[in-house]
């Protein structure tokens, strides 16, 4: 079963094209280092909750859109090795590849697949 890294972030809505250009440049590195699939999803139908929601999770402002992304890996060992290679890669230098969003408000984590349907 695949291993999944998930990400939620707030991107200034005006930076949509900058974000997508950044993702098109950056995301192929995941595939280069062993991931099998990368999805970048721009918030479209993201409801605001009464107690918690995606907006609160990343402290999104009214001029930001919530982005939900995930990276699928064949297994955790491949993910761990791939992430290590990415962190050592000079292309990851924020000075060379600045993020068009506030990375401090991004939430992320790695997840074991409990079960899978379809595909």
N, C-alpha and C. Protein backbone atom coordinates (compact mmCIF):
# COMPACT_ATOMS: atom_id res chain seq x y z
N UNK A 1 0.84 -1.19 0.00
CA UNK A 1 0.00 0.00 0.00
C UNK A 1 0.89 1.25 0.00
N UNK A 2 0.44 2.29 -0.69
CA UNK A 2 1.26 3.50 -0.78
C UNK A 2 1.39 4.23 0.55
N UNK A 3 2.42 5.04 0.62
CA UNK A 3 2.62 5.97 1.73
C UNK A 3 2.32 7.35 1.16
N UNK A 4 1.68 8.22 1.94
CA UNK A 4 1.22 9.51 1.44
C UNK A 4 1.72 10.64 2.32
N UNK A 5 2.28 11.67 1.69
CA UNK A 5 2.56 12.94 2.36
C UNK A 5 1.45 13.89 1.99
N UNK A 6 0.85 14.53 3.00
CA UNK A 6 -0.22 15.49 2.76
C UNK A 6 0.20 16.88 3.20
N UNK A 7 -0.30 17.89 2.48
CA UNK A 7 0.05 19.28 2.74
C UNK A 7 -1.20 20.15 2.63
N UNK A 8 -1.34 21.09 3.53
CA UNK A 8 -2.39 22.10 3.44
C UNK A 8 -1.70 23.45 3.63
N UNK A 9 -1.99 24.40 2.74
CA UNK A 9 -1.36 25.70 2.84
C UNK A 9 -2.30 26.78 2.35
N UNK A 10 -2.00 28.01 2.73
CA UNK A 10 -2.76 29.18 2.29
C UNK A 10 -1.90 29.93 1.28
N UNK A 11 -2.46 30.12 0.09
CA UNK A 11 -1.73 30.82 -0.97
C UNK A 11 -2.49 32.11 -1.30
N UNK A 12 -1.80 33.23 -1.35
CA UNK A 12 -2.50 34.44 -1.79
C UNK A 12 -3.20 34.16 -3.13
N UNK A 13 -4.48 34.43 -3.18
CA UNK A 13 -5.25 34.13 -4.38
C UNK A 13 -4.63 34.78 -5.61
N UNK A 14 -4.08 35.97 -5.44
CA UNK A 14 -3.43 36.66 -6.55
C UNK A 14 -2.18 35.93 -7.04
N UNK A 15 -1.64 35.02 -6.23
CA UNK A 15 -0.43 34.28 -6.59
C UNK A 15 -0.73 32.90 -7.19
N UNK A 16 -1.95 32.67 -7.61
CA UNK A 16 -2.30 31.34 -8.15
C UNK A 16 -1.32 30.90 -9.24
N UNK A 17 -1.08 31.73 -10.23
CA UNK A 17 -0.20 31.35 -11.34
C UNK A 17 1.24 31.19 -10.86
N UNK A 18 1.68 32.04 -9.94
CA UNK A 18 3.03 31.88 -9.37
C UNK A 18 3.14 30.56 -8.63
N UNK A 19 2.09 30.22 -7.88
CA UNK A 19 2.08 28.96 -7.14
C UNK A 19 2.15 27.77 -8.11
N UNK A 20 1.33 27.80 -9.14
CA UNK A 20 1.32 26.70 -10.11
C UNK A 20 2.65 26.59 -10.84
N UNK A 21 3.26 27.71 -11.18
CA UNK A 21 4.58 27.69 -11.82
C UNK A 21 5.62 27.09 -10.86
N UNK A 22 5.54 27.47 -9.61
CA UNK A 22 6.44 26.92 -8.59
C UNK A 22 6.23 25.40 -8.48
N UNK A 23 4.99 24.97 -8.43
CA UNK A 23 4.69 23.54 -8.32
C UNK A 23 5.19 22.78 -9.56
N UNK A 24 5.01 23.36 -10.73
CA UNK A 24 5.48 22.69 -11.96
C UNK A 24 6.99 22.54 -11.98
N UNK A 25 7.69 23.46 -11.33
CA UNK A 25 9.14 23.37 -11.26
C UNK A 25 9.59 22.43 -10.14
N UNK A 26 8.92 22.50 -9.01
CA UNK A 26 9.33 21.79 -7.81
C UNK A 26 8.82 20.35 -7.74
N UNK A 27 7.56 20.13 -8.08
CA UNK A 27 6.93 18.83 -7.90
C UNK A 27 7.57 17.68 -8.68
N UNK A 28 8.13 17.91 -9.87
CA UNK A 28 8.80 16.80 -10.56
C UNK A 28 9.94 16.19 -9.74
N UNK A 29 10.48 16.95 -8.79
CA UNK A 29 11.53 16.40 -7.93
C UNK A 29 11.00 15.21 -7.12
N UNK A 30 9.74 15.29 -6.67
CA UNK A 30 9.16 14.16 -5.95
C UNK A 30 9.21 12.90 -6.82
N UNK A 31 8.81 13.04 -8.09
CA UNK A 31 8.83 11.89 -9.00
C UNK A 31 10.26 11.43 -9.26
N UNK A 32 11.15 12.37 -9.41
CA UNK A 32 12.56 12.05 -9.64
C UNK A 32 13.12 11.21 -8.50
N UNK A 33 12.67 11.47 -7.28
CA UNK A 33 13.20 10.78 -6.11
C UNK A 33 12.30 9.65 -5.61
N UNK A 34 11.37 9.16 -6.46
CA UNK A 34 10.67 7.93 -6.15
C UNK A 34 9.17 8.00 -5.96
N UNK A 35 8.57 9.19 -5.88
CA UNK A 35 7.12 9.28 -5.73
C UNK A 35 6.45 8.77 -7.00
N UNK A 36 5.23 8.31 -6.86
CA UNK A 36 4.49 7.78 -8.00
C UNK A 36 3.43 8.75 -8.50
N UNK A 37 3.07 9.73 -7.65
CA UNK A 37 1.99 10.65 -8.02
C UNK A 37 2.05 11.89 -7.15
N UNK A 38 1.76 13.04 -7.75
CA UNK A 38 1.70 14.31 -7.02
C UNK A 38 0.43 15.04 -7.47
N UNK A 39 -0.35 15.50 -6.52
CA UNK A 39 -1.55 16.27 -6.83
C UNK A 39 -1.51 17.61 -6.10
N UNK A 40 -1.81 18.67 -6.84
CA UNK A 40 -1.95 20.01 -6.28
C UNK A 40 -3.40 20.40 -6.49
N UNK A 41 -4.11 20.70 -5.43
CA UNK A 41 -5.54 20.96 -5.52
C UNK A 41 -5.85 22.35 -4.98
N UNK A 42 -6.39 23.22 -5.83
CA UNK A 42 -6.72 24.60 -5.49
C UNK A 42 -8.12 24.62 -4.88
N UNK A 43 -8.27 25.21 -3.70
CA UNK A 43 -9.56 25.23 -3.01
C UNK A 43 -10.69 25.77 -3.86
N UNK A 44 -11.79 25.04 -3.90
CA UNK A 44 -12.94 25.41 -4.72
C UNK A 44 -14.22 25.41 -3.87
N UNK A 45 -14.42 24.35 -3.12
CA UNK A 45 -15.62 24.20 -2.29
C UNK A 45 -15.14 23.83 -0.89
N UNK A 46 -14.59 24.81 -0.19
CA UNK A 46 -13.97 24.59 1.12
C UNK A 46 -14.82 25.33 2.16
N UNK A 47 -15.71 24.62 2.85
CA UNK A 47 -16.59 25.30 3.79
C UNK A 47 -15.87 25.77 5.05
N UNK A 48 -16.39 26.83 5.61
CA UNK A 48 -15.90 27.32 6.90
C UNK A 48 -16.69 26.61 7.98
N UNK A 49 -15.97 26.08 8.97
CA UNK A 49 -16.62 25.35 10.05
C UNK A 49 -16.92 26.23 11.24
N UNK A 50 -17.67 25.68 12.19
CA UNK A 50 -17.99 26.42 13.40
C UNK A 50 -16.90 26.28 14.45
N UNK A 51 -16.18 25.18 14.43
CA UNK A 51 -15.13 24.93 15.43
C UNK A 51 -13.75 24.95 14.80
N UNK A 52 -13.60 24.25 13.68
CA UNK A 52 -12.32 24.21 12.98
C UNK A 52 -12.57 23.99 11.50
N UNK A 53 -11.59 24.30 10.70
CA UNK A 53 -11.69 24.11 9.25
C UNK A 53 -10.30 24.28 8.63
N UNK A 54 -10.21 24.11 7.33
CA UNK A 54 -8.93 24.26 6.64
C UNK A 54 -8.38 25.68 6.77
N UNK A 55 -9.26 26.67 6.72
CA UNK A 55 -8.81 28.06 6.83
C UNK A 55 -8.11 28.32 8.15
N UNK A 56 -8.73 27.86 9.24
CA UNK A 56 -8.13 28.06 10.56
C UNK A 56 -6.83 27.28 10.71
N UNK A 57 -6.79 26.11 10.11
CA UNK A 57 -5.60 25.26 10.25
C UNK A 57 -4.34 25.95 9.74
N UNK A 58 -4.50 26.79 8.71
CA UNK A 58 -3.33 27.46 8.12
C UNK A 58 -3.42 28.98 8.27
N UNK A 59 -4.34 29.43 9.11
CA UNK A 59 -4.53 30.87 9.36
C UNK A 59 -4.70 31.65 8.07
N UNK A 60 -5.52 31.12 7.15
CA UNK A 60 -5.76 31.78 5.87
C UNK A 60 -6.51 33.09 6.07
N UNK A 61 -6.12 34.09 5.33
CA UNK A 61 -6.80 35.38 5.34
C UNK A 61 -7.83 35.41 4.21
N UNK A 62 -8.64 36.46 4.18
CA UNK A 62 -9.68 36.56 3.16
C UNK A 62 -9.14 36.64 1.74
N UNK A 63 -7.89 37.05 1.59
CA UNK A 63 -7.32 37.16 0.24
C UNK A 63 -6.44 35.95 -0.11
N UNK A 64 -6.63 34.84 0.62
CA UNK A 64 -5.88 33.62 0.36
C UNK A 64 -6.82 32.46 0.04
N UNK A 65 -6.32 31.52 -0.71
CA UNK A 65 -7.05 30.30 -1.05
C UNK A 65 -6.33 29.12 -0.40
N UNK A 66 -7.11 28.19 0.13
CA UNK A 66 -6.53 26.98 0.72
C UNK A 66 -6.17 26.01 -0.39
N UNK A 67 -4.96 25.48 -0.30
CA UNK A 67 -4.47 24.48 -1.25
C UNK A 67 -4.24 23.18 -0.48
N UNK A 68 -4.68 22.09 -1.07
CA UNK A 68 -4.51 20.76 -0.49
C UNK A 68 -3.71 19.95 -1.49
N UNK A 69 -2.59 19.41 -1.04
CA UNK A 69 -1.71 18.67 -1.94
C UNK A 69 -1.32 17.35 -1.30
N UNK A 70 -1.02 16.38 -2.14
CA UNK A 70 -0.46 15.16 -1.60
C UNK A 70 0.47 14.50 -2.59
N UNK A 71 1.37 13.73 -2.00
CA UNK A 71 2.38 13.00 -2.77
C UNK A 71 2.26 11.53 -2.39
N UNK A 72 2.10 10.69 -3.38
CA UNK A 72 2.03 9.24 -3.14
C UNK A 72 3.39 8.62 -3.42
N UNK A 73 3.78 7.75 -2.52
CA UNK A 73 5.03 6.99 -2.64
C UNK A 73 4.69 5.51 -2.62
N UNK A 74 5.54 4.66 -3.20
CA UNK A 74 5.24 3.23 -3.16
C UNK A 74 5.23 2.66 -1.74
N UNK A 75 6.05 3.25 -0.86
CA UNK A 75 6.15 2.77 0.53
C UNK A 75 6.92 3.81 1.34
N UNK A 76 6.94 3.63 2.65
CA UNK A 76 7.59 4.61 3.53
C UNK A 76 9.10 4.65 3.33
N UNK A 77 9.72 3.52 3.06
CA UNK A 77 11.17 3.50 2.86
C UNK A 77 11.56 4.35 1.65
N UNK A 78 10.80 4.24 0.56
CA UNK A 78 11.07 5.04 -0.62
C UNK A 78 10.84 6.51 -0.31
N UNK A 79 9.79 6.80 0.44
CA UNK A 79 9.50 8.19 0.84
C UNK A 79 10.63 8.76 1.68
N UNK A 80 11.07 8.02 2.69
CA UNK A 80 12.13 8.52 3.57
C UNK A 80 13.40 8.80 2.78
N UNK A 81 13.77 7.89 1.89
CA UNK A 81 14.97 8.09 1.06
C UNK A 81 14.78 9.26 0.11
N UNK A 82 13.59 9.37 -0.49
CA UNK A 82 13.31 10.46 -1.43
C UNK A 82 13.32 11.82 -0.77
N UNK A 83 12.70 11.92 0.40
CA UNK A 83 12.67 13.20 1.11
C UNK A 83 14.08 13.60 1.53
N UNK A 84 14.87 12.64 1.96
CA UNK A 84 16.26 12.93 2.34
C UNK A 84 17.03 13.51 1.15
N UNK A 85 16.86 12.87 -0.02
CA UNK A 85 17.53 13.38 -1.23
C UNK A 85 17.04 14.78 -1.60
N UNK A 86 15.74 15.01 -1.45
CA UNK A 86 15.21 16.34 -1.77
C UNK A 86 15.79 17.40 -0.84
N UNK A 87 15.87 17.10 0.44
CA UNK A 87 16.37 18.08 1.39
C UNK A 87 17.85 18.41 1.16
N UNK A 88 18.56 17.47 0.56
CA UNK A 88 19.98 17.68 0.26
C UNK A 88 20.20 18.31 -1.12
N UNK A 89 19.16 18.39 -1.93
CA UNK A 89 19.27 18.88 -3.29
C UNK A 89 19.36 20.41 -3.30
N UNK A 90 20.34 20.99 -4.00
CA UNK A 90 20.48 22.45 -4.03
C UNK A 90 19.27 23.17 -4.63
N UNK A 91 18.46 22.48 -5.41
CA UNK A 91 17.26 23.12 -5.96
C UNK A 91 16.25 23.47 -4.88
N UNK A 92 16.41 22.88 -3.70
CA UNK A 92 15.50 23.16 -2.59
C UNK A 92 15.87 24.43 -1.84
N UNK A 93 16.97 25.05 -2.16
CA UNK A 93 17.39 26.28 -1.49
C UNK A 93 16.33 27.36 -1.68
N UNK A 94 15.74 27.86 -0.57
CA UNK A 94 14.69 28.88 -0.70
C UNK A 94 15.16 30.14 -1.43
N UNK A 95 16.43 30.44 -1.39
CA UNK A 95 16.94 31.61 -2.12
C UNK A 95 16.85 31.38 -3.63
N UNK A 96 17.03 30.14 -4.06
CA UNK A 96 16.98 29.81 -5.48
C UNK A 96 15.56 29.48 -5.93
N UNK A 97 14.72 29.04 -5.02
CA UNK A 97 13.37 28.57 -5.36
C UNK A 97 12.40 29.07 -4.29
N UNK A 98 12.17 30.39 -4.20
CA UNK A 98 11.31 30.92 -3.14
C UNK A 98 9.86 30.46 -3.28
N UNK A 99 9.23 30.22 -2.15
CA UNK A 99 7.84 29.78 -2.14
C UNK A 99 6.91 30.99 -2.29
N UNK A 100 5.88 30.89 -3.13
CA UNK A 100 4.94 32.01 -3.29
C UNK A 100 3.82 31.98 -2.25
N UNK A 101 4.15 31.54 -1.04
CA UNK A 101 3.22 31.48 0.08
C UNK A 101 4.03 31.44 1.36
N UNK A 102 3.37 31.60 2.49
CA UNK A 102 4.03 31.58 3.79
C UNK A 102 4.20 30.14 4.25
N UNK A 103 5.39 29.61 4.07
CA UNK A 103 5.67 28.22 4.43
C UNK A 103 5.52 27.93 5.92
N UNK A 104 5.59 28.95 6.77
CA UNK A 104 5.44 28.73 8.21
C UNK A 104 4.03 28.32 8.58
N UNK A 105 3.06 28.64 7.72
CA UNK A 105 1.67 28.28 8.01
C UNK A 105 1.23 27.00 7.31
N UNK A 106 2.13 26.37 6.58
CA UNK A 106 1.81 25.10 5.93
C UNK A 106 1.78 24.00 6.98
N UNK A 107 0.80 23.13 6.87
CA UNK A 107 0.79 21.94 7.72
C UNK A 107 1.02 20.73 6.82
N UNK A 108 1.70 19.74 7.34
CA UNK A 108 2.02 18.57 6.52
C UNK A 108 2.27 17.38 7.43
N UNK A 109 2.22 16.21 6.84
CA UNK A 109 2.50 14.99 7.57
C UNK A 109 2.54 13.81 6.64
N UNK A 110 3.12 12.72 7.14
CA UNK A 110 3.18 11.46 6.39
C UNK A 110 2.17 10.48 6.95
N UNK A 111 1.55 9.71 6.06
CA UNK A 111 0.45 8.83 6.45
C UNK A 111 0.59 7.44 5.83
N UNK A 112 0.43 6.44 6.68
CA UNK A 112 0.32 5.07 6.19
C UNK A 112 -1.07 4.90 5.60
N UNK A 113 -1.16 4.17 4.51
CA UNK A 113 -2.47 3.87 3.93
C UNK A 113 -3.14 2.79 4.76
N UNK A 114 -4.32 3.08 5.29
CA UNK A 114 -5.05 2.11 6.10
C UNK A 114 -5.79 1.12 5.20
N UNK A 115 -6.44 1.62 4.16
CA UNK A 115 -7.00 0.79 3.10
C UNK A 115 -7.27 1.67 1.90
N UNK A 116 -7.53 1.05 0.76
CA UNK A 116 -7.70 1.80 -0.48
C UNK A 116 -8.85 1.19 -1.26
N UNK A 117 -9.68 2.05 -1.84
CA UNK A 117 -10.76 1.62 -2.71
C UNK A 117 -10.56 2.24 -4.08
N UNK A 118 -11.02 1.57 -5.11
CA UNK A 118 -10.93 2.12 -6.47
C UNK A 118 -9.51 2.18 -6.98
N UNK A 119 -9.34 3.04 -7.96
CA UNK A 119 -8.05 3.33 -8.58
C UNK A 119 -7.86 2.60 -9.82
